[in-house]
Amino acid sequence: MVWYPKTDMKDRIKRFAHCVNKILLRHHLALTETRDQRGRIDLADSLDYIRYATLERAAYEVNLRKVRGDIAEVGVYQGRFAAKMNQLFPDREFYLFDTFEGFDERDIAVETQNGIKTLDKHREAWRDTSEEKVLGVMAHPRNCVIKKGYFPETAKGLENKRFAFVSLDADLWEPTYNGLKFFYPRLEKGGYIFIHDCAGSNAGGALRKFSQETGVPYLMLPDAYGTAVIAK
């Protein structure tokens, strides 16, 4: 048996993941039924084929079945995933929730109270963004509504809205839990919620608590960071 240092093993896993991504990308057209290029996104720049390909497939189903509602993302950062959503849902109003200043200390305090460790490097992460930077990568910026500030406070006034697709990518426990509580009751039948980073106890813990409280099931994708999918 050969023993590898942890750092070496992580590099090997990353290289293996990149190889798998390349193989999947090469066969992407054959693996999906969508042939209309308006319903496709460029996956060549993605390091997480499974997550992005599942987004494409979910959007195809939502549009095919004419599910009503807007779209939204909580935790936009620089807009990479949001840009794909904007492209796949070109005619829908898109609500973009983010502080655009990194993690809010109130959410980090909840992590601490729940015994969840937030690394110092994560406290300083996600600050190198802005509303202008995010809108600059959108194919249909006129459809975008920036909701800057602390979620769910920034959702006030949207209580009567309905949604067809929602991405929760806030990383932390509190905004993920609040996102599920706010969006799931407003999700149209046939719609989807993607929850990113559920491999850990932060977003993953919030998802499991919500599921236990409501009985709402979810499916975990075998992607890079543990995306969960809720369908209604």
C-alpha atoms as a PDB file:
ATOM      1  CA  MET A   1       0.000   0.000   0.000  1.00  0.00           C
ATOM      2  CA  VAL A   2       1.374   3.406  -0.997  1.00  0.00           C
ATOM      3  CA  TRP A   3       0.874   6.308   1.383  1.00  0.00           C
ATOM      4  CA  TYR A   4       0.597   9.827   0.000  1.00  0.00           C
ATOM      5  CA  PRO A   5       0.761  13.063   1.998  1.00  0.00           C
ATOM      6  CA  LYS A   6      -2.602  14.834   2.289  1.00  0.00           C
ATOM      7  CA  THR A   7      -1.517  17.730   0.089  1.00  0.00           C
ATOM      8  CA  ASP A   8      -0.290  15.356  -2.592  1.00  0.00           C
ATOM      9  CA  MET A   9      -3.533  13.383  -2.414  1.00  0.00           C
ATOM     10  CA  LYS A  10      -5.604  16.567  -2.811  1.00  0.00           C
ATOM     11  CA  ASP A  11      -3.634  17.474  -5.936  1.00  0.00           C
ATOM     12  CA  ARG A  12      -4.186  13.987  -7.332  1.00  0.00           C
ATOM     13  CA  ILE A  13      -7.923  14.217  -6.682  1.00  0.00           C
ATOM     14  CA  LYS A  14      -8.109  17.628  -8.381  1.00  0.00           C
ATOM     15  CA  ARG A  15      -6.221  16.375 -11.420  1.00  0.00           C
ATOM     16  CA  PHE A  16      -8.511  13.342 -11.599  1.00  0.00           C
ATOM     17  CA  ALA A  17     -11.584  15.586 -11.365  1.00  0.00           C
ATOM     18  CA  HIS A  18     -10.283  17.771 -14.197  1.00  0.00           C
ATOM     19  CA  CYS A  19      -9.760  14.680 -16.368  1.00  0.00           C
ATOM     20  CA  VAL A  20     -13.309  13.485 -15.658  1.00  0.00           C
ATOM     21  CA  ASN A  21     -14.649  16.936 -16.504  1.00  0.00           C
ATOM     22  CA  LYS A  22     -12.855  16.891 -19.853  1.00  0.00           C
ATOM     23  CA  ILE A  23     -14.281  13.476 -20.718  1.00  0.00           C
ATOM     24  CA  LEU A  24     -17.814  14.502 -19.750  1.00  0.00           C
ATOM     25  CA  LEU A  25     -17.565  17.761 -21.676  1.00  0.00           C
ATOM     26  CA  ARG A  26     -16.429  15.881 -24.774  1.00  0.00           C
ATOM     27  CA  HIS A  27     -19.570  13.757 -24.676  1.00  0.00           C
ATOM     28  CA  HIS A  28     -21.940  16.446 -23.390  1.00  0.00           C
ATOM     29  CA  LEU A  29     -23.989  16.784 -26.582  1.00  0.00           C
ATOM     30  CA  ALA A  30     -24.590  13.044 -26.707  1.00  0.00           C
ATOM     31  CA  LEU A  31     -25.595  12.858 -23.046  1.00  0.00           C
ATOM     32  CA  THR A  32     -28.427  15.395 -23.249  1.00  0.00           C
ATOM     33  CA  GLU A  33     -31.491  15.664 -25.437  1.00  0.00           C
ATOM     34  CA  THR A  34     -31.373  19.449 -25.808  1.00  0.00           C
ATOM     35  CA  ARG A  35     -30.475  20.477 -29.317  1.00  0.00           C
ATOM     36  CA  ASP A  36     -31.729  24.062 -29.302  1.00  0.00           C
ATOM     37  CA  GLN A  37     -28.595  26.163 -28.755  1.00  0.00           C
ATOM     38  CA  ARG A  38     -30.652  28.726 -26.838  1.00  0.00           C
ATOM     39  CA  GLY A  39     -31.069  26.078 -24.172  1.00  0.00           C
ATOM     40  CA  ARG A  40     -27.356  25.300 -23.892  1.00  0.00           C
ATOM     41  CA  ILE A  41     -24.518  26.931 -21.983  1.00  0.00           C
ATOM     42  CA  ASP A  42     -20.785  26.815 -22.535  1.00  0.00           C
ATOM     43  CA  LEU A  43     -19.447  24.273 -20.058  1.00  0.00           C
ATOM     44  CA  ALA A  44     -15.850  24.481 -21.236  1.00  0.00           C
ATOM     45  CA  ASP A  45     -14.956  27.054 -18.562  1.00  0.00           C
ATOM     46  CA  SER A  46     -16.544  25.060 -15.757  1.00  0.00           C
ATOM     47  CA  LEU A  47     -14.557  22.981 -13.279  1.00  0.00           C
ATOM     48  CA  ASP A  48     -17.773  21.384 -12.060  1.00  0.00           C
ATOM     49  CA  TYR A  49     -19.439  19.714 -15.018  1.00  0.00           C
ATOM     50  CA  ILE A  50     -22.097  17.907 -12.996  1.00  0.00           C
ATOM     51  CA  ARG A  51     -23.437  21.043 -11.328  1.00  0.00           C
ATOM     52  CA  TYR A  52     -23.547  23.123 -14.495  1.00  0.00           C
ATOM     53  CA  ALA A  53     -24.895  20.346 -16.707  1.00  0.00           C
ATOM     54  CA  THR A  54     -27.663  19.698 -14.159  1.00  0.00           C
ATOM     55  CA  LEU A  55     -28.506  23.406 -14.193  1.00  0.00           C
ATOM     56  CA  GLU A  56     -28.817  23.243 -17.977  1.00  0.00           C
ATOM     57  CA  ARG A  57     -31.059  20.203 -17.746  1.00  0.00           C
ATOM     58  CA  ALA A  58     -33.263  21.710 -15.024  1.00  0.00           C
ATOM     59  CA  ALA A  59     -33.668  24.939 -17.013  1.00  0.00           C
ATOM     60  CA  TYR A  60     -34.639  22.915 -20.072  1.00  0.00           C
ATOM     61  CA  GLU A  61     -37.377  21.152 -18.104  1.00  0.00           C
ATOM     62  CA  VAL A  62     -38.657  24.389 -16.534  1.00  0.00           C
ATOM     63  CA  ASN A  63     -38.863  26.140 -19.895  1.00  0.00           C
ATOM     64  CA  LEU A  64     -40.289  23.105 -21.709  1.00  0.00           C
ATOM     65  CA  ARG A  65     -43.081  22.736 -19.145  1.00  0.00           C
ATOM     66  CA  LYS A  66     -43.689  26.499 -19.121  1.00  0.00           C
ATOM     67  CA  VAL A  67     -43.303  26.758 -15.362  1.00  0.00           C
ATOM     68  CA  ARG A  68     -44.176  30.286 -14.295  1.00  0.00           C
ATOM     69  CA  GLY A  69     -42.121  32.514 -12.055  1.00  0.00           C
ATOM     70  CA  ASP A  70     -38.957  34.541 -11.713  1.00  0.00           C
ATOM     71  CA  ILE A  71     -35.471  33.281 -10.837  1.00  0.00           C
ATOM     72  CA  ALA A  72     -33.145  34.215  -7.988  1.00  0.00           C
ATOM     73  CA  GLU A  73     -29.737  33.580  -6.474  1.00  0.00           C
ATOM     74  CA  VAL A  74     -28.622  34.195  -2.898  1.00  0.00           C
ATOM     75  CA  GLY A  75     -24.832  34.436  -2.765  1.00  0.00           C
ATOM     76  CA  VAL A  76     -23.859  35.773  -6.177  1.00  0.00           C
ATOM     77  CA  TYR A  77     -20.175  36.648  -5.647  1.00  0.00           C
ATOM     78  CA  GLN A  78     -18.822  37.531  -9.114  1.00  0.00           C
ATOM     79  CA  GLY A  79     -21.797  36.119 -10.978  1.00  0.00           C
ATOM     80  CA  ARG A  80     -20.326  33.035 -12.617  1.00  0.00           C
ATOM     81  CA  PHE A  81     -23.241  30.692 -11.883  1.00  0.00           C
ATOM     82  CA  ALA A  82     -25.715  33.560 -12.115  1.00  0.00           C
ATOM     83  CA  ALA A  83     -24.543  34.352 -15.648  1.00  0.00           C
ATOM     84  CA  LYS A  84     -25.449  30.814 -16.731  1.00  0.00           C
ATOM     85  CA  MET A  85     -28.881  31.190 -15.117  1.00  0.00           C
ATOM     86  CA  ASN A  86     -29.407  34.506 -16.875  1.00  0.00           C
ATOM     87  CA  GLN A  87     -28.508  32.903 -20.206  1.00  0.00           C
ATOM     88  CA  LEU A  88     -30.790  29.894 -19.718  1.00  0.00           C
ATOM     89  CA  PHE A  89     -33.747  31.992 -18.525  1.00  0.00           C
ATOM     90  CA  PRO A  90     -33.468  34.998 -20.873  1.00  0.00           C
ATOM     91  CA  ASP A  91     -37.037  36.240 -20.405  1.00  0.00           C
ATOM     92  CA  ARG A  92     -37.338  36.022 -16.628  1.00  0.00           C
ATOM     93  CA  GLU A  93     -36.766  38.660 -13.989  1.00  0.00           C
ATOM     94  CA  PHE A  94     -33.650  37.730 -12.033  1.00  0.00           C
ATOM     95  CA  TYR A  95     -33.178  38.734  -8.379  1.00  0.00           C
ATOM     96  CA  LEU A  96     -29.533  38.809  -7.254  1.00  0.00           C
ATOM     97  CA  PHE A  97     -29.078  38.786  -3.464  1.00  0.00           C
ATOM     98  CA  ASP A  98     -25.636  39.518  -2.024  1.00  0.00           C
ATOM     99  CA  THR A  99     -23.883  41.828   0.394  1.00  0.00           C
ATOM    100  CA  PHE A 100     -21.215  42.347  -2.316  1.00  0.00           C
ATOM    101  CA  GLU A 101     -18.911  42.840   0.680  1.00  0.00           C
ATOM    102  CA  GLY A 102     -18.283  39.264   1.820  1.00  0.00           C
ATOM    103  CA  PHE A 103     -19.819  37.411   4.756  1.00  0.00           C
ATOM    104  CA  ASP A 104     -21.958  39.345   7.210  1.00  0.00           C
ATOM    105  CA  GLU A 105     -20.714  39.146  10.801  1.00  0.00           C
ATOM    106  CA  ARG A 106     -24.225  38.291  11.998  1.00  0.00           C
ATOM    107  CA  ASP A 107     -24.152  35.089   9.974  1.00  0.00           C
ATOM    108  CA  ILE A 108     -20.667  34.206  11.212  1.00  0.00           C
ATOM    109  CA  ALA A 109     -21.919  34.716  14.783  1.00  0.00           C
ATOM    110  CA  VAL A 110     -24.626  32.096  14.186  1.00  0.00           C
ATOM    111  CA  GLU A 111     -21.968  29.671  12.926  1.00  0.00           C
ATOM    112  CA  THR A 112     -19.997  30.211  16.133  1.00  0.00           C
ATOM    113  CA  GLN A 113     -23.069  29.703  18.332  1.00  0.00           C
ATOM    114  CA  ASN A 114     -23.818  26.422  16.549  1.00  0.00           C
ATOM    115  CA  GLY A 115     -20.235  25.231  16.989  1.00  0.00           C
ATOM    116  CA  ILE A 116     -19.509  25.477  13.261  1.00  0.00           C
ATOM    117  CA  LYS A 117     -16.010  26.637  12.458  1.00  0.00           C
ATOM    118  CA  THR A 118     -15.634  29.434   9.930  1.00  0.00           C
ATOM    119  CA  LEU A 119     -12.057  29.651   8.716  1.00  0.00           C
ATOM    120  CA  ASP A 120     -10.375  33.039   8.968  1.00  0.00           C
ATOM    121  CA  LYS A 121      -9.618  32.978   5.246  1.00  0.00           C
ATOM    122  CA  HIS A 122     -13.339  32.639   4.571  1.00  0.00           C
ATOM    123  CA  ARG A 123     -14.052  35.732   6.643  1.00  0.00           C
ATOM    124  CA  GLU A 124     -12.062  37.754   4.140  1.00  0.00           C
ATOM    125  CA  ALA A 125     -13.272  35.890   1.072  1.00  0.00           C
ATOM    126  CA  TRP A 126     -15.857  36.931  -1.510  1.00  0.00           C
ATOM    127  CA  ARG A 127     -15.172  40.664  -1.178  1.00  0.00           C
ATOM    128  CA  ASP A 128     -13.576  41.161  -4.587  1.00  0.00           C
ATOM    129  CA  THR A 129     -16.847  41.809  -6.373  1.00  0.00           C
ATOM    130  CA  SER A 130     -19.358  44.555  -7.066  1.00  0.00           C
ATOM    131  CA  GLU A 131     -22.766  45.078  -8.604  1.00  0.00           C
ATOM    132  CA  GLU A 132     -21.128  46.457 -11.730  1.00  0.00           C
ATOM    133  CA  LYS A 133     -18.841  43.443 -12.089  1.00  0.00           C
ATOM    134  CA  VAL A 134     -21.765  41.043 -11.799  1.00  0.00           C
ATOM    135  CA  LEU A 135     -23.971  42.904 -14.266  1.00  0.00           C
ATOM    136  CA  GLY A 136     -21.017  43.033 -16.647  1.00  0.00           C
ATOM    137  CA  VAL A 137     -21.048  39.248 -17.121  1.00  0.00           C
ATOM    138  CA  MET A 138     -24.780  38.982 -17.738  1.00  0.00           C
ATOM    139  CA  ALA A 139     -26.143  38.275 -21.200  1.00  0.00           C
ATOM    140  CA  HIS A 140     -29.433  39.978 -20.270  1.00  0.00           C
ATOM    141  CA  PRO A 141     -28.595  42.593 -17.616  1.00  0.00           C
ATOM    142  CA  ARG A 142     -31.900  44.429 -18.089  1.00  0.00           C
ATOM    143  CA  ASN A 143     -33.657  41.477 -16.469  1.00  0.00           C
ATOM    144  CA  CYS A 144     -31.463  41.649 -13.363  1.00  0.00           C
ATOM    145  CA  VAL A 145     -32.563  43.205 -10.094  1.00  0.00           C
ATOM    146  CA  ILE A 146     -29.727  43.773  -7.631  1.00  0.00           C
ATOM    147  CA  LYS A 147     -30.714  43.235  -3.992  1.00  0.00           C
ATOM    148  CA  LYS A 148     -27.673  44.409  -2.081  1.00  0.00           C
ATOM    149  CA  GLY A 149     -27.540  43.947   1.656  1.00  0.00           C
ATOM    150  CA  TYR A 150     -28.354  41.440   4.354  1.00  0.00           C
ATOM    151  CA  PHE A 151     -30.628  38.564   3.374  1.00  0.00           C
ATOM    152  CA  PRO A 152     -33.490  38.001   4.181  1.00  0.00           C
ATOM    153  CA  GLU A 153     -33.979  41.696   4.913  1.00  0.00           C
ATOM    154  CA  THR A 154     -33.412  42.389   1.214  1.00  0.00           C
ATOM    155  CA  ALA A 155     -36.314  40.083   0.327  1.00  0.00           C
ATOM    156  CA  LYS A 156     -38.871  42.416   1.893  1.00  0.00           C
ATOM    157  CA  GLY A 157     -41.455  43.466  -0.647  1.00  0.00           C
ATOM    158  CA  LEU A 158     -41.120  40.227  -2.628  1.00  0.00           C
ATOM    159  CA  GLU A 159     -43.519  38.173  -0.519  1.00  0.00           C
ATOM    160  CA  ASN A 160     -46.030  37.877  -3.366  1.00  0.00           C
ATOM    161  CA  LYS A 161     -43.477  36.818  -5.967  1.00  0.00           C
ATOM    162  CA  ARG A 162     -43.341  33.299  -7.386  1.00  0.00           C
ATOM    163  CA  PHE A 163     -40.178  31.548  -8.524  1.00  0.00           C
ATOM    164  CA  ALA A 164     -39.322  28.859 -11.077  1.00  0.00           C
ATOM    165  CA  PHE A 165     -35.657  28.411 -10.219  1.00  0.00           C
ATOM    166  CA  VAL A 166     -33.546  29.470  -7.222  1.00  0.00           C
ATOM    167  CA  SER A 167     -29.846  29.042  -6.444  1.00  0.00           C
ATOM    168  CA  LEU A 168     -28.734  29.246  -2.806  1.00  0.00           C
ATOM    169  CA  ASP A 169     -24.963  29.686  -2.666  1.00  0.00           C
ATOM    170  CA  ALA A 170     -24.437  31.684   0.508  1.00  0.00           C
ATOM    171  CA  ASP A 171     -22.146  29.015   2.058  1.00  0.00           C
ATOM    172  CA  LEU A 172     -23.225  29.741   5.635  1.00  0.00           C
ATOM    173  CA  TRP A 173     -25.942  28.199   7.809  1.00  0.00           C
ATOM    174  CA  GLU A 174     -28.199  31.199   8.485  1.00  0.00           C
ATOM    175  CA  PRO A 175     -28.691  32.616   4.952  1.00  0.00           C
ATOM    176  CA  THR A 176     -29.128  29.095   3.557  1.00  0.00           C
ATOM    177  CA  TYR A 177     -31.799  28.215   6.109  1.00  0.00           C
ATOM    178  CA  ASN A 178     -33.568  31.556   5.647  1.00  0.00           C
ATOM    179  CA  GLY A 179     -33.334  31.144   1.882  1.00  0.00           C
ATOM    180  CA  LEU A 180     -35.089  27.786   2.034  1.00  0.00           C
ATOM    181  CA  LYS A 181     -37.786  29.144   4.345  1.00  0.00           C
ATOM    182  CA  PHE A 182     -38.411  32.111   2.065  1.00  0.00           C
ATOM    183  CA  PHE A 183     -38.202  30.530  -1.384  1.00  0.00           C
ATOM    184  CA  TYR A 184     -39.652  27.037  -0.996  1.00  0.00           C
ATOM    185  CA  PRO A 185     -43.221  28.232  -0.214  1.00  0.00           C
ATOM    186  CA  ARG A 186     -42.943  30.564  -3.233  1.00  0.00           C
ATOM    187  CA  LEU A 187     -41.551  27.937  -5.600  1.00  0.00           C
ATOM    188  CA  GLU A 188     -43.907  27.044  -8.432  1.00  0.00           C
ATOM    189  CA  LYS A 189     -44.831  23.426  -9.061  1.00  0.00           C
ATOM    190  CA  GLY A 190     -42.221  22.078 -11.463  1.00  0.00           C
ATOM    191  CA  GLY A 191     -39.563  24.472 -10.158  1.00  0.00           C
ATOM    192  CA  TYR A 192     -36.173  23.757  -8.597  1.00  0.00           C
ATOM    193  CA  ILE A 193     -33.939  25.015  -5.805  1.00  0.00           C
ATOM    194  CA  PHE A 194     -30.187  24.309  -6.012  1.00  0.00           C
ATOM    195  CA  ILE A 195     -28.290  24.535  -2.710  1.00  0.00           C
ATOM    196  CA  HIS A 196     -24.516  24.673  -3.099  1.00  0.00           C
ATOM    197  CA  ASP A 197     -21.782  23.611  -0.658  1.00  0.00           C
ATOM    198  CA  CYS A 198     -23.880  21.056   1.225  1.00  0.00           C
ATOM    199  CA  ALA A 199     -20.950  18.717   1.807  1.00  0.00           C
ATOM    200  CA  GLY A 200     -20.141  20.509   5.067  1.00  0.00           C
ATOM    201  CA  SER A 201     -22.138  21.337   8.180  1.00  0.00           C
ATOM    202  CA  ASN A 202     -22.779  24.969   7.210  1.00  0.00           C
ATOM    203  CA  ALA A 203     -25.199  24.974   4.277  1.00  0.00           C
ATOM    204  CA  GLY A 204     -25.622  21.207   4.616  1.00  0.00           C
ATOM    205  CA  GLY A 205     -26.742  21.511   8.226  1.00  0.00           C
ATOM    206  CA  ALA A 206     -29.262  24.183   7.317  1.00  0.00           C
ATOM    207  CA  LEU A 207     -30.636  22.015   4.516  1.00  0.00           C
ATOM    208  CA  ARG A 208     -31.017  18.977   6.767  1.00  0.00           C
ATOM    209  CA  LYS A 209     -32.791  20.975   9.468  1.00  0.00           C
ATOM    210  CA  PHE A 210     -35.194  22.467   6.927  1.00  0.00           C
ATOM    211  CA  SER A 211     -35.884  19.030   5.477  1.00  0.00           C
ATOM    212  CA  GLN A 212     -36.520  17.526   8.917  1.00  0.00           C
ATOM    213  CA  GLU A 213     -38.890  20.354   9.852  1.00  0.00           C
ATOM    214  CA  THR A 214     -40.883  20.352   6.628  1.00  0.00           C
ATOM    215  CA  GLY A 215     -40.527  16.834   5.257  1.00  0.00           C
ATOM    216  CA  VAL A 216     -39.243  18.258   1.969  1.00  0.00           C
ATOM    217  CA  PRO A 217     -36.866  15.740   0.341  1.00  0.00           C
ATOM    218  CA  TYR A 218     -33.721  16.594  -1.574  1.00  0.00           C
ATOM    219  CA  LEU A 219     -31.217  14.919  -3.863  1.00  0.00           C
ATOM    220  CA  MET A 220     -27.454  15.293  -3.439  1.00  0.00           C
ATOM    221  CA  LEU A 221     -25.442  15.594  -6.648  1.00  0.00           C
ATOM    222  CA  PRO A 222     -22.008  13.917  -6.851  1.00  0.00           C
ATOM    223  CA  ASP A 223     -20.394  17.201  -7.854  1.00  0.00           C
ATOM    224  CA  ALA A 224     -17.335  19.003  -6.529  1.00  0.00           C
ATOM    225  CA  TYR A 225     -18.852  20.684  -3.470  1.00  0.00           C
ATOM    226  CA  GLY A 226     -22.068  18.827  -2.750  1.00  0.00           C
ATOM    227  CA  THR A 227     -24.976  20.524  -4.492  1.00  0.00           C
ATOM    228  CA  ALA A 228     -28.438  19.524  -3.289  1.00  0.00           C
ATOM    229  CA  VAL A 229     -31.509  19.776  -5.490  1.00  0.00           C
ATOM    230  CA  ILE A 230     -35.069  20.307  -4.310  1.00  0.00           C
ATOM    231  CA  ALA A 231     -37.860  19.833  -6.852  1.00  0.00           C
ATOM    232  CA  LYS A 232     -41.492  20.765  -6.348  1.00  0.00           C
END
